[in-house]
Amino acid sequence: MPLPLHSFLASQTDRLREVRRGEPMAEPPSMSSGDPERCAVAVANCEGDVVSAGDVGDEFTIQSISKAIAYAYVLEELGHEKVHEFVDVEPSGEAYHVISVEDSSGRPDNPMINAGALVVHSLLPGGDQDERSALVLDLFSRLAGRQLSVDETVFEEELRAGHRNLAIAHLLRAENDLPDDPHDVVAGYTRQCAIRVTAVDLAMMGATLANCGTQPVTGEQIFSPDVVRQTLSVMLTCGMYDDAGDWVSGVGIPAKSGVAGGILAVAPGSLGVAAWSPRLDGHGTSVRGRELVRQVAMKLGLHLLDGRPEPEVDWEASEMK
């Protein structure tokens, strides 16, 4: 019998609403002001079918999930060798906001920590933060298949409190690894993180990566297959920061988390999976979101090392959102 996907997602979402572990991100204030018990999950396939459950109409800021998309874009524009001159691809084993660079090269360890993400943002085409921000918003909108917007309140609050990112940017500039002005780069990166999305938007972005870079609904080839492979490789090894090993062993697919409570995961050639709920664990990952993605991966046999055929899914009989 095909798996009734919507019923499964709805039952898991309802169950996890009772979980009270973790706390929402305390800063900026606007990020912790909503109901912490909100919860959503969405799954999108390479044909553009979407099944979702929970608070799927609620928007939240994309935060660090944006790092993976920006990395893919600069790879597409500059090529792997050029990007690798500025940022490495090694797991750091440290938290996302660590202030560090490699001793020998002066490069950040990978593009998923803040230091690497700042370098990546500086490599985006455009002469200043306004041009780069417009490019990023357009890119993310094309991936989602709808026009997205920036949460100006979150942007302004995070920028005022962005002393740590500014310190990292100045360190990178001192190491000759940041091509542009630190203040301009931090402002642009902060705006990038403040783009508003839903769980369905993230699932469609994931489906685009799963579909070798082709947006399933519009048919636009946004990224090349080689760029997708490189991006997913770094997401798998570095996307969950100092929790990457546990994520790979327990869930087993490339993923990226954000401190607003979102998680984007990709089953290559198959699905994009997204979850959102504000309560975070000690790694800055959504407690409920992590479990939702894990349950989907287990139920659908998505772990890359399982070697089991994926079960048949009933998409037509499911409630589409």
C-alpha atoms as a PDB file:
ATOM      1  CA  MET A   1       0.000   0.000   0.000  1.00  0.00           C
ATOM      2  CA  PRO A   2       1.333   3.492  -0.833  1.00  0.00           C
ATOM      3  CA  LEU A   3       2.210   5.584   2.206  1.00  0.00           C
ATOM      4  CA  PRO A   4      -0.477   8.259   2.890  1.00  0.00           C
ATOM      5  CA  LEU A   5       2.083  10.993   3.360  1.00  0.00           C
ATOM      6  CA  HIS A   6      -0.168  13.773   4.605  1.00  0.00           C
ATOM      7  CA  SER A   7      -1.620  11.611   7.369  1.00  0.00           C
ATOM      8  CA  PHE A   8       1.873  10.640   8.474  1.00  0.00           C
ATOM      9  CA  LEU A   9       3.132  14.245   8.520  1.00  0.00           C
ATOM     10  CA  ALA A  10       0.042  15.475  10.361  1.00  0.00           C
ATOM     11  CA  SER A  11       0.316  12.794  13.033  1.00  0.00           C
ATOM     12  CA  GLN A  12       4.004  13.550  13.617  1.00  0.00           C
ATOM     13  CA  THR A  13       3.377  17.287  13.816  1.00  0.00           C
ATOM     14  CA  ASP A  14       0.559  16.822  16.319  1.00  0.00           C
ATOM     15  CA  ARG A  15       2.715  14.512  18.431  1.00  0.00           C
ATOM     16  CA  LEU A  16       5.679  16.846  18.510  1.00  0.00           C
ATOM     17  CA  ARG A  17       3.643  19.895  19.550  1.00  0.00           C
ATOM     18  CA  GLU A  18       3.686  18.350  23.025  1.00  0.00           C
ATOM     19  CA  VAL A  19       7.485  18.473  23.168  1.00  0.00           C
ATOM     20  CA  ARG A  20       8.607  21.419  25.298  1.00  0.00           C
ATOM     21  CA  ARG A  21      12.388  21.017  25.209  1.00  0.00           C
ATOM     22  CA  GLY A  22      14.558  23.918  24.103  1.00  0.00           C
ATOM     23  CA  GLU A  23      13.966  27.637  23.870  1.00  0.00           C
ATOM     24  CA  PRO A  24      13.507  30.038  20.940  1.00  0.00           C
ATOM     25  CA  MET A  25      16.423  32.267  19.969  1.00  0.00           C
ATOM     26  CA  ALA A  26      16.450  35.074  22.525  1.00  0.00           C
ATOM     27  CA  GLU A  27      17.956  37.734  20.253  1.00  0.00           C
ATOM     28  CA  PRO A  28      16.722  39.612  18.384  1.00  0.00           C
ATOM     29  CA  PRO A  29      13.533  40.151  20.420  1.00  0.00           C
ATOM     30  CA  SER A  30      11.259  39.864  17.384  1.00  0.00           C
ATOM     31  CA  MET A  31      12.460  36.301  16.775  1.00  0.00           C
ATOM     32  CA  SER A  32      11.310  35.119  20.199  1.00  0.00           C
ATOM     33  CA  SER A  33       8.064  37.066  20.329  1.00  0.00           C
ATOM     34  CA  GLY A  34       5.790  34.554  18.584  1.00  0.00           C
ATOM     35  CA  ASP A  35       4.191  31.342  19.811  1.00  0.00           C
ATOM     36  CA  PRO A  36       7.048  28.864  20.456  1.00  0.00           C
ATOM     37  CA  GLU A  37       4.719  25.904  19.957  1.00  0.00           C
ATOM     38  CA  ARG A  38       4.219  26.526  16.244  1.00  0.00           C
ATOM     39  CA  CYS A  39       5.330  23.627  14.092  1.00  0.00           C
ATOM     40  CA  ALA A  40       5.321  22.842  10.365  1.00  0.00           C
ATOM     41  CA  VAL A  41       6.694  20.265   7.953  1.00  0.00           C
ATOM     42  CA  ALA A  42       6.669  20.034   4.154  1.00  0.00           C
ATOM     43  CA  VAL A  43       7.929  17.527   1.598  1.00  0.00           C
ATOM     44  CA  ALA A  44       8.356  18.346  -2.106  1.00  0.00           C
ATOM     45  CA  ASN A  45       9.384  15.954  -4.870  1.00  0.00           C
ATOM     46  CA  CYS A  46      11.182  16.510  -8.160  1.00  0.00           C
ATOM     47  CA  GLU A  47       7.860  16.743 -10.018  1.00  0.00           C
ATOM     48  CA  GLY A  48       6.735  19.699  -7.910  1.00  0.00           C
ATOM     49  CA  ASP A  49       4.226  17.851  -5.724  1.00  0.00           C
ATOM     50  CA  VAL A  50       4.102  19.212  -2.171  1.00  0.00           C
ATOM     51  CA  VAL A  51       2.597  17.676   0.944  1.00  0.00           C
ATOM     52  CA  SER A  52       2.632  19.634   4.201  1.00  0.00           C
ATOM     53  CA  ALA A  53       1.186  19.725   7.691  1.00  0.00           C
ATOM     54  CA  GLY A  54       1.046  22.083  10.639  1.00  0.00           C
ATOM     55  CA  ASP A  55       1.535  25.844  10.554  1.00  0.00           C
ATOM     56  CA  VAL A  56       2.653  25.899   6.930  1.00  0.00           C
ATOM     57  CA  GLY A  57       1.310  29.402   6.268  1.00  0.00           C
ATOM     58  CA  ASP A  58       3.529  30.979   8.936  1.00  0.00           C
ATOM     59  CA  GLU A  59       6.616  32.816   7.717  1.00  0.00           C
ATOM     60  CA  PHE A  60       9.966  32.930   9.521  1.00  0.00           C
ATOM     61  CA  THR A  61      13.409  34.202   8.592  1.00  0.00           C
ATOM     62  CA  ILE A  62      15.685  31.851   6.682  1.00  0.00           C
ATOM     63  CA  GLN A  63      18.795  32.717   8.742  1.00  0.00           C
ATOM     64  CA  SER A  64      21.757  30.336   8.230  1.00  0.00           C
ATOM     65  CA  ILE A  65      19.906  28.122   5.768  1.00  0.00           C
ATOM     66  CA  SER A  66      20.709  30.918   3.327  1.00  0.00           C
ATOM     67  CA  LYS A  67      24.396  29.992   3.543  1.00  0.00           C
ATOM     68  CA  ALA A  68      23.945  26.882   1.423  1.00  0.00           C
ATOM     69  CA  ILE A  69      22.055  28.739  -1.310  1.00  0.00           C
ATOM     70  CA  ALA A  70      24.536  31.613  -1.463  1.00  0.00           C
ATOM     71  CA  TYR A  71      27.403  29.108  -1.618  1.00  0.00           C
ATOM     72  CA  ALA A  72      25.778  27.350  -4.575  1.00  0.00           C
ATOM     73  CA  TYR A  73      25.381  30.665  -6.356  1.00  0.00           C
ATOM     74  CA  VAL A  74      29.016  31.738  -6.048  1.00  0.00           C
ATOM     75  CA  LEU A  75      30.108  28.265  -7.150  1.00  0.00           C
ATOM     76  CA  GLU A  76      27.932  28.703 -10.226  1.00  0.00           C
ATOM     77  CA  GLU A  77      29.348  32.143 -10.940  1.00  0.00           C
ATOM     78  CA  LEU A  78      33.030  31.675 -10.070  1.00  0.00           C
ATOM     79  CA  GLY A  79      33.704  27.943 -10.136  1.00  0.00           C
ATOM     80  CA  HIS A  80      34.882  25.650  -7.370  1.00  0.00           C
ATOM     81  CA  GLU A  81      38.604  26.418  -7.655  1.00  0.00           C
ATOM     82  CA  LYS A  82      38.126  30.170  -7.306  1.00  0.00           C
ATOM     83  CA  VAL A  83      35.751  29.878  -4.356  1.00  0.00           C
ATOM     84  CA  HIS A  84      38.093  27.385  -2.684  1.00  0.00           C
ATOM     85  CA  GLU A  85      40.804  30.053  -2.684  1.00  0.00           C
ATOM     86  CA  PHE A  86      38.704  31.984  -0.161  1.00  0.00           C
ATOM     87  CA  VAL A  87      36.899  29.296   1.864  1.00  0.00           C
ATOM     88  CA  ASP A  88      37.688  25.657   2.602  1.00  0.00           C
ATOM     89  CA  VAL A  89      35.255  22.707   2.876  1.00  0.00           C
ATOM     90  CA  GLU A  90      36.462  21.041   6.079  1.00  0.00           C
ATOM     91  CA  PRO A  91      34.105  20.402   9.032  1.00  0.00           C
ATOM     92  CA  SER A  92      35.064  22.722  11.868  1.00  0.00           C
ATOM     93  CA  GLY A  93      33.585  20.713  14.724  1.00  0.00           C
ATOM     94  CA  GLU A  94      32.741  24.053  16.314  1.00  0.00           C
ATOM     95  CA  ALA A  95      29.706  26.293  16.745  1.00  0.00           C
ATOM     96  CA  TYR A  96      28.422  28.407  13.853  1.00  0.00           C
ATOM     97  CA  HIS A  97      29.675  31.735  15.251  1.00  0.00           C
ATOM     98  CA  VAL A  98      33.226  30.722  16.138  1.00  0.00           C
ATOM     99  CA  ILE A  99      35.827  33.412  15.466  1.00  0.00           C
ATOM    100  CA  SER A 100      38.570  31.511  13.672  1.00  0.00           C
ATOM    101  CA  VAL A 101      40.438  30.969  10.410  1.00  0.00           C
ATOM    102  CA  GLU A 102      42.945  28.347   9.303  1.00  0.00           C
ATOM    103  CA  ASP A 103      46.459  29.051  10.570  1.00  0.00           C
ATOM    104  CA  SER A 104      48.161  28.263   7.284  1.00  0.00           C
ATOM    105  CA  SER A 105      45.808  29.837   4.736  1.00  0.00           C
ATOM    106  CA  GLY A 106      43.768  32.408   6.650  1.00  0.00           C
ATOM    107  CA  ARG A 107      40.583  30.909   5.194  1.00  0.00           C
ATOM    108  CA  PRO A 108      37.446  29.916   7.105  1.00  0.00           C
ATOM    109  CA  ASP A 109      36.997  26.162   7.505  1.00  0.00           C
ATOM    110  CA  ASN A 110      33.809  25.956   5.459  1.00  0.00           C
ATOM    111  CA  PRO A 111      30.984  28.105   4.032  1.00  0.00           C
ATOM    112  CA  MET A 112      28.394  26.957   6.590  1.00  0.00           C
ATOM    113  CA  ILE A 113      29.901  28.708   9.619  1.00  0.00           C
ATOM    114  CA  ASN A 114      29.491  32.481   9.857  1.00  0.00           C
ATOM    115  CA  ALA A 115      33.083  33.233   8.874  1.00  0.00           C
ATOM    116  CA  GLY A 116      32.747  31.265   5.659  1.00  0.00           C
ATOM    117  CA  ALA A 117      29.285  32.652   4.954  1.00  0.00           C
ATOM    118  CA  LEU A 118      30.573  36.216   5.203  1.00  0.00           C
ATOM    119  CA  VAL A 119      33.302  35.435   2.675  1.00  0.00           C
ATOM    120  CA  VAL A 120      30.770  33.787   0.370  1.00  0.00           C
ATOM    121  CA  HIS A 121      28.451  36.775   0.580  1.00  0.00           C
ATOM    122  CA  SER A 122      31.330  39.086  -0.330  1.00  0.00           C
ATOM    123  CA  LEU A 123      31.941  36.975  -3.457  1.00  0.00           C
ATOM    124  CA  LEU A 124      28.409  37.529  -4.771  1.00  0.00           C
ATOM    125  CA  PRO A 125      28.241  39.754  -7.868  1.00  0.00           C
ATOM    126  CA  GLY A 126      27.483  43.390  -7.153  1.00  0.00           C
ATOM    127  CA  GLY A 127      29.323  46.483  -6.069  1.00  0.00           C
ATOM    128  CA  ASP A 128      27.665  46.926  -2.674  1.00  0.00           C
ATOM    129  CA  GLN A 129      25.217  45.408  -0.217  1.00  0.00           C
ATOM    130  CA  ASP A 130      22.162  46.772  -2.047  1.00  0.00           C
ATOM    131  CA  GLU A 131      23.094  45.042  -5.297  1.00  0.00           C
ATOM    132  CA  ARG A 132      24.018  41.788  -3.567  1.00  0.00           C
ATOM    133  CA  SER A 133      20.854  41.845  -1.462  1.00  0.00           C
ATOM    134  CA  ALA A 134      18.664  42.347  -4.533  1.00  0.00           C
ATOM    135  CA  LEU A 135      20.400  39.472  -6.287  1.00  0.00           C
ATOM    136  CA  VAL A 136      19.979  37.146  -3.295  1.00  0.00           C
ATOM    137  CA  LEU A 137      16.296  37.984  -2.867  1.00  0.00           C
ATOM    138  CA  ASP A 138      15.656  37.315  -6.549  1.00  0.00           C
ATOM    139  CA  LEU A 139      17.558  34.021  -6.394  1.00  0.00           C
ATOM    140  CA  PHE A 140      15.723  32.772  -3.319  1.00  0.00           C
ATOM    141  CA  SER A 141      12.379  33.778  -4.848  1.00  0.00           C
ATOM    142  CA  ARG A 142      13.129  31.803  -8.013  1.00  0.00           C
ATOM    143  CA  LEU A 143      14.028  28.769  -5.943  1.00  0.00           C
ATOM    144  CA  ALA A 144      10.831  29.016  -3.890  1.00  0.00           C
ATOM    145  CA  GLY A 145       8.670  29.708  -6.936  1.00  0.00           C
ATOM    146  CA  ARG A 146       7.143  32.858  -5.483  1.00  0.00           C
ATOM    147  CA  GLN A 147       8.215  36.389  -4.579  1.00  0.00           C
ATOM    148  CA  LEU A 148       9.796  36.518  -1.134  1.00  0.00           C
ATOM    149  CA  SER A 149      10.477  39.537   1.074  1.00  0.00           C
ATOM    150  CA  VAL A 150      12.850  40.689   3.821  1.00  0.00           C
ATOM    151  CA  ASP A 151      11.761  41.023   7.437  1.00  0.00           C
ATOM    152  CA  GLU A 152      13.017  44.559   7.995  1.00  0.00           C
ATOM    153  CA  THR A 153      12.483  44.424  11.765  1.00  0.00           C
ATOM    154  CA  VAL A 154      14.617  41.299  12.171  1.00  0.00           C
ATOM    155  CA  PHE A 155      17.230  42.760   9.826  1.00  0.00           C
ATOM    156  CA  GLU A 156      17.563  45.982  11.791  1.00  0.00           C
ATOM    157  CA  GLU A 157      17.630  44.246  15.178  1.00  0.00           C
ATOM    158  CA  GLU A 158      20.222  41.681  14.078  1.00  0.00           C
ATOM    159  CA  LEU A 159      22.382  44.318  12.432  1.00  0.00           C
ATOM    160  CA  ARG A 160      22.438  46.437  15.615  1.00  0.00           C
ATOM    161  CA  ALA A 161      23.519  43.363  17.585  1.00  0.00           C
ATOM    162  CA  GLY A 162      25.950  42.080  14.939  1.00  0.00           C
ATOM    163  CA  HIS A 163      29.175  42.850  16.790  1.00  0.00           C
ATOM    164  CA  ARG A 164      30.438  39.267  16.623  1.00  0.00           C
ATOM    165  CA  ASN A 165      29.923  39.008  12.865  1.00  0.00           C
ATOM    166  CA  LEU A 166      31.625  42.368  12.454  1.00  0.00           C
ATOM    167  CA  ALA A 167      34.583  41.120  14.500  1.00  0.00           C
ATOM    168  CA  ILE A 168      34.805  38.028  12.281  1.00  0.00           C
ATOM    169  CA  ALA A 169      34.615  40.195   9.161  1.00  0.00           C
ATOM    170  CA  HIS A 170      37.436  42.448  10.355  1.00  0.00           C
ATOM    171  CA  LEU A 171      39.572  39.386  11.122  1.00  0.00           C
ATOM    172  CA  LEU A 172      38.932  38.044   7.629  1.00  0.00           C
ATOM    173  CA  ARG A 173      39.777  41.414   6.127  1.00  0.00           C
ATOM    174  CA  ALA A 174      43.042  41.451   8.058  1.00  0.00           C
ATOM    175  CA  GLU A 175      43.822  38.015   6.604  1.00  0.00           C
ATOM    176  CA  ASN A 176      43.125  39.343   3.069  1.00  0.00           C
ATOM    177  CA  ASP A 177      40.265  36.850   2.730  1.00  0.00           C
ATOM    178  CA  LEU A 178      37.412  39.365   2.540  1.00  0.00           C
ATOM    179  CA  PRO A 179      37.380  41.350  -0.706  1.00  0.00           C
ATOM    180  CA  ASP A 180      35.012  44.102   0.485  1.00  0.00           C
ATOM    181  CA  ASP A 181      34.402  46.451   3.407  1.00  0.00           C
ATOM    182  CA  PRO A 182      33.503  44.490   6.578  1.00  0.00           C
ATOM    183  CA  HIS A 183      30.575  46.761   7.496  1.00  0.00           C
ATOM    184  CA  ASP A 184      29.075  46.467   4.013  1.00  0.00           C
ATOM    185  CA  VAL A 185      29.467  42.681   3.958  1.00  0.00           C
ATOM    186  CA  VAL A 186      27.937  42.192   7.410  1.00  0.00           C
ATOM    187  CA  ALA A 187      24.955  44.376   6.499  1.00  0.00           C
ATOM    188  CA  GLY A 188      24.373  42.459   3.269  1.00  0.00           C
ATOM    189  CA  TYR A 189      24.756  39.071   4.941  1.00  0.00           C
ATOM    190  CA  THR A 190      22.378  40.083   7.726  1.00  0.00           C
ATOM    191  CA  ARG A 191      19.756  41.093   5.166  1.00  0.00           C
ATOM    192  CA  GLN A 192      20.287  37.770   3.390  1.00  0.00           C
ATOM    193  CA  CYS A 193      19.481  35.949   6.639  1.00  0.00           C
ATOM    194  CA  ALA A 194      16.332  38.039   7.189  1.00  0.00           C
ATOM    195  CA  ILE A 195      14.494  36.802   4.085  1.00  0.00           C
ATOM    196  CA  ARG A 196      11.081  35.446   5.063  1.00  0.00           C
ATOM    197  CA  VAL A 197      10.087  31.914   4.025  1.00  0.00           C
ATOM    198  CA  THR A 198       7.617  29.174   4.891  1.00  0.00           C
ATOM    199  CA  ALA A 199       8.261  25.463   5.317  1.00  0.00           C
ATOM    200  CA  VAL A 200       6.798  24.944   1.838  1.00  0.00           C
ATOM    201  CA  ASP A 201       9.246  27.485   0.374  1.00  0.00           C
ATOM    202  CA  LEU A 202      12.165  25.621   1.938  1.00  0.00           C
ATOM    203  CA  ALA A 203      10.868  22.258   0.735  1.00  0.00           C
ATOM    204  CA  MET A 204      10.702  23.617  -2.824  1.00  0.00           C
ATOM    205  CA  MET A 205      14.274  24.941  -2.519  1.00  0.00           C
ATOM    206  CA  GLY A 206      15.294  21.477  -1.351  1.00  0.00           C
ATOM    207  CA  ALA A 207      13.437  19.845  -4.229  1.00  0.00           C
ATOM    208  CA  THR A 208      15.357  22.085  -6.634  1.00  0.00           C
ATOM    209  CA  LEU A 209      18.627  20.793  -5.205  1.00  0.00           C
ATOM    210  CA  ALA A 210      17.284  17.237  -5.256  1.00  0.00           C
ATOM    211  CA  ASN A 211      16.363  17.771  -8.912  1.00  0.00           C
ATOM    212  CA  CYS A 212      19.957  18.537  -9.968  1.00  0.00           C
ATOM    213  CA  GLY A 213      19.352  22.287  -9.789  1.00  0.00           C
ATOM    214  CA  THR A 214      16.142  22.490 -11.843  1.00  0.00           C
ATOM    215  CA  GLN A 215      13.171  24.159 -10.119  1.00  0.00           C
ATOM    216  CA  PRO A 216      10.452  21.484 -10.303  1.00  0.00           C
ATOM    217  CA  VAL A 217       7.512  23.814 -11.012  1.00  0.00           C
ATOM    218  CA  THR A 218       9.008  26.502 -13.264  1.00  0.00           C
ATOM    219  CA  GLY A 219      11.508  24.222 -14.986  1.00  0.00           C
ATOM    220  CA  GLU A 220      14.284  26.798 -14.649  1.00  0.00           C
ATOM    221  CA  GLN A 221      17.803  25.349 -14.414  1.00  0.00           C
ATOM    222  CA  ILE A 222      19.091  27.476 -11.531  1.00  0.00           C
ATOM    223  CA  PHE A 223      22.195  25.475 -10.611  1.00  0.00           C
ATOM    224  CA  SER A 224      24.275  22.999 -12.587  1.00  0.00           C
ATOM    225  CA  PRO A 225      24.449  19.373 -11.382  1.00  0.00           C
ATOM    226  CA  ASP A 226      28.137  19.767 -10.450  1.00  0.00           C
ATOM    227  CA  VAL A 227      27.346  22.784  -8.267  1.00  0.00           C
ATOM    228  CA  VAL A 228      24.507  20.891  -6.587  1.00  0.00           C
ATOM    229  CA  ARG A 229      26.780  17.942  -5.846  1.00  0.00           C
ATOM    230  CA  GLN A 230      29.395  20.212  -4.264  1.00  0.00           C
ATOM    231  CA  THR A 231      26.795  22.126  -2.246  1.00  0.00           C
ATOM    232  CA  LEU A 232      25.104  18.980  -0.939  1.00  0.00           C
ATOM    233  CA  SER A 233      28.484  17.460  -0.054  1.00  0.00           C
ATOM    234  CA  VAL A 234      29.341  20.439   2.144  1.00  0.00           C
ATOM    235  CA  MET A 235      25.840  20.492   3.634  1.00  0.00           C
ATOM    236  CA  LEU A 236      26.217  16.819   4.584  1.00  0.00           C
ATOM    237  CA  THR A 237      29.579  17.266   6.309  1.00  0.00           C
ATOM    238  CA  CYS A 238      29.270  20.818   7.663  1.00  0.00           C
ATOM    239  CA  GLY A 239      25.641  21.962   7.521  1.00  0.00           C
ATOM    240  CA  MET A 240      24.782  21.052  11.109  1.00  0.00           C
ATOM    241  CA  TYR A 241      27.968  22.513  12.648  1.00  0.00           C
ATOM    242  CA  ASP A 242      29.225  20.683  15.744  1.00  0.00           C
ATOM    243  CA  ASP A 243      26.276  18.282  15.513  1.00  0.00           C
ATOM    244  CA  ALA A 244      27.118  17.099  11.981  1.00  0.00           C
ATOM    245  CA  GLY A 245      28.309  13.617  12.949  1.00  0.00           C
ATOM    246  CA  ASP A 246      25.211  12.816  14.969  1.00  0.00           C
ATOM    247  CA  TRP A 247      23.002  14.185  12.185  1.00  0.00           C
ATOM    248  CA  VAL A 248      24.646  12.075   9.485  1.00  0.00           C
ATOM    249  CA  SER A 249      24.460   8.885  11.549  1.00  0.00           C
ATOM    250  CA  GLY A 250      20.913   9.482  12.750  1.00  0.00           C
ATOM    251  CA  VAL A 251      19.259  11.144   9.727  1.00  0.00           C
ATOM    252  CA  GLY A 252      21.703  10.632   6.890  1.00  0.00           C
ATOM    253  CA  ILE A 253      20.873  13.300   4.311  1.00  0.00           C
ATOM    254  CA  PRO A 254      22.389  16.744   3.587  1.00  0.00           C
ATOM    255  CA  ALA A 255      20.804  19.493   5.674  1.00  0.00           C
ATOM    256  CA  LYS A 256      21.140  23.059   6.879  1.00  0.00           C
ATOM    257  CA  SER A 257      19.624  24.579   9.990  1.00  0.00           C
ATOM    258  CA  GLY A 258      18.743  28.145  10.977  1.00  0.00           C
ATOM    259  CA  VAL A 259      18.273  29.759  14.381  1.00  0.00           C
ATOM    260  CA  ALA A 260      14.719  30.865  13.563  1.00  0.00           C
ATOM    261  CA  GLY A 261      13.866  27.158  13.788  1.00  0.00           C
ATOM    262  CA  GLY A 262      13.956  26.120  10.146  1.00  0.00           C
ATOM    263  CA  ILE A 263      15.684  23.055   8.705  1.00  0.00           C
ATOM    264  CA  LEU A 264      16.200  22.333   5.011  1.00  0.00           C
ATOM    265  CA  ALA A 265      17.150  18.754   4.078  1.00  0.00           C
ATOM    266  CA  VAL A 266      17.679  17.134   0.683  1.00  0.00           C
ATOM    267  CA  ALA A 267      17.371  13.541  -0.469  1.00  0.00           C
ATOM    268  CA  PRO A 268      19.316  13.721  -3.765  1.00  0.00           C
ATOM    269  CA  GLY A 269      17.295  12.728  -6.797  1.00  0.00           C
ATOM    270  CA  SER A 270      14.155  12.405  -4.722  1.00  0.00           C
ATOM    271  CA  LEU A 271      12.853  14.987  -2.240  1.00  0.00           C
ATOM    272  CA  GLY A 272      13.261  18.273  -0.442  1.00  0.00           C
ATOM    273  CA  VAL A 273      12.218  18.097   3.214  1.00  0.00           C
ATOM    274  CA  ALA A 274      11.671  21.140   5.418  1.00  0.00           C
ATOM    275  CA  ALA A 275      10.589  21.588   9.003  1.00  0.00           C
ATOM    276  CA  TRP A 276      10.138  24.541  11.293  1.00  0.00           C
ATOM    277  CA  SER A 277       9.527  25.121  14.981  1.00  0.00           C
ATOM    278  CA  PRO A 278      11.142  27.836  17.137  1.00  0.00           C
ATOM    279  CA  ARG A 279      12.414  25.835  20.134  1.00  0.00           C
ATOM    280  CA  LEU A 280      16.159  25.218  19.692  1.00  0.00           C
ATOM    281  CA  ASP A 281      18.622  22.747  21.183  1.00  0.00           C
ATOM    282  CA  GLY A 282      22.159  23.572  22.301  1.00  0.00           C
ATOM    283  CA  HIS A 283      23.433  23.439  18.710  1.00  0.00           C
ATOM    284  CA  GLY A 284      20.933  26.076  17.533  1.00  0.00           C
ATOM    285  CA  THR A 285      18.779  23.455  15.773  1.00  0.00           C
ATOM    286  CA  SER A 286      15.018  23.180  16.062  1.00  0.00           C
ATOM    287  CA  VAL A 287      14.159  20.396  18.503  1.00  0.00           C
ATOM    288  CA  ARG A 288      10.885  19.523  16.809  1.00  0.00           C
ATOM    289  CA  GLY A 289      12.208  20.218  13.324  1.00  0.00           C
ATOM    290  CA  ARG A 290      15.088  17.823  13.771  1.00  0.00           C
ATOM    291  CA  GLU A 291      12.737  15.064  14.870  1.00  0.00           C
ATOM    292  CA  LEU A 292      10.302  15.754  12.024  1.00  0.00           C
ATOM    293  CA  VAL A 293      13.043  15.444   9.405  1.00  0.00           C
ATOM    294  CA  ARG A 294      14.376  12.321  11.109  1.00  0.00           C
ATOM    295  CA  GLN A 295      10.957  10.699  11.089  1.00  0.00           C
ATOM    296  CA  VAL A 296      10.451  11.504   7.396  1.00  0.00           C
ATOM    297  CA  ALA A 297      13.893  10.134   6.554  1.00  0.00           C
ATOM    298  CA  MET A 298      13.217   6.940   8.489  1.00  0.00           C
ATOM    299  CA  LYS A 299       9.726   6.417   7.100  1.00  0.00           C
ATOM    300  CA  LEU A 300      10.775   7.011   3.498  1.00  0.00           C
ATOM    301  CA  GLY A 301      14.131   5.217   3.740  1.00  0.00           C
ATOM    302  CA  LEU A 302      16.122   8.315   2.795  1.00  0.00           C
ATOM    303  CA  HIS A 303      19.340   7.698   4.759  1.00  0.00           C
ATOM    304  CA  LEU A 304      22.115   7.697   2.161  1.00  0.00           C
ATOM    305  CA  LEU A 305      23.739   4.613   3.668  1.00  0.00           C
ATOM    306  CA  ASP A 306      20.625   2.495   4.087  1.00  0.00           C
ATOM    307  CA  GLY A 307      20.692   0.876   0.655  1.00  0.00           C
ATOM    308  CA  ARG A 308      16.976   0.170   0.892  1.00  0.00           C
ATOM    309  CA  PRO A 309      14.436   1.039  -1.814  1.00  0.00           C
ATOM    310  CA  GLU A 310      12.233   4.008  -1.011  1.00  0.00           C
ATOM    311  CA  PRO A 311       8.605   3.087  -0.267  1.00  0.00           C
ATOM    312  CA  GLU A 312       5.863   4.103  -2.646  1.00  0.00           C
ATOM    313  CA  VAL A 313       4.217   7.363  -1.579  1.00  0.00           C
ATOM    314  CA  ASP A 314       0.604   8.275  -2.254  1.00  0.00           C
ATOM    315  CA  TRP A 315       0.913  11.892  -3.395  1.00  0.00           C
ATOM    316  CA  GLU A 316      -2.452  12.131  -5.159  1.00  0.00           C
ATOM    317  CA  ALA A 317      -4.511  11.086  -2.151  1.00  0.00           C
ATOM    318  CA  SER A 318      -2.647  13.393   0.201  1.00  0.00           C
ATOM    319  CA  GLU A 319      -3.816  16.861   1.092  1.00  0.00           C
ATOM    320  CA  MET A 320      -1.774  19.319  -0.921  1.00  0.00           C
ATOM    321  CA  LYS A 321      -0.949  22.681   0.627  1.00  0.00           C
END
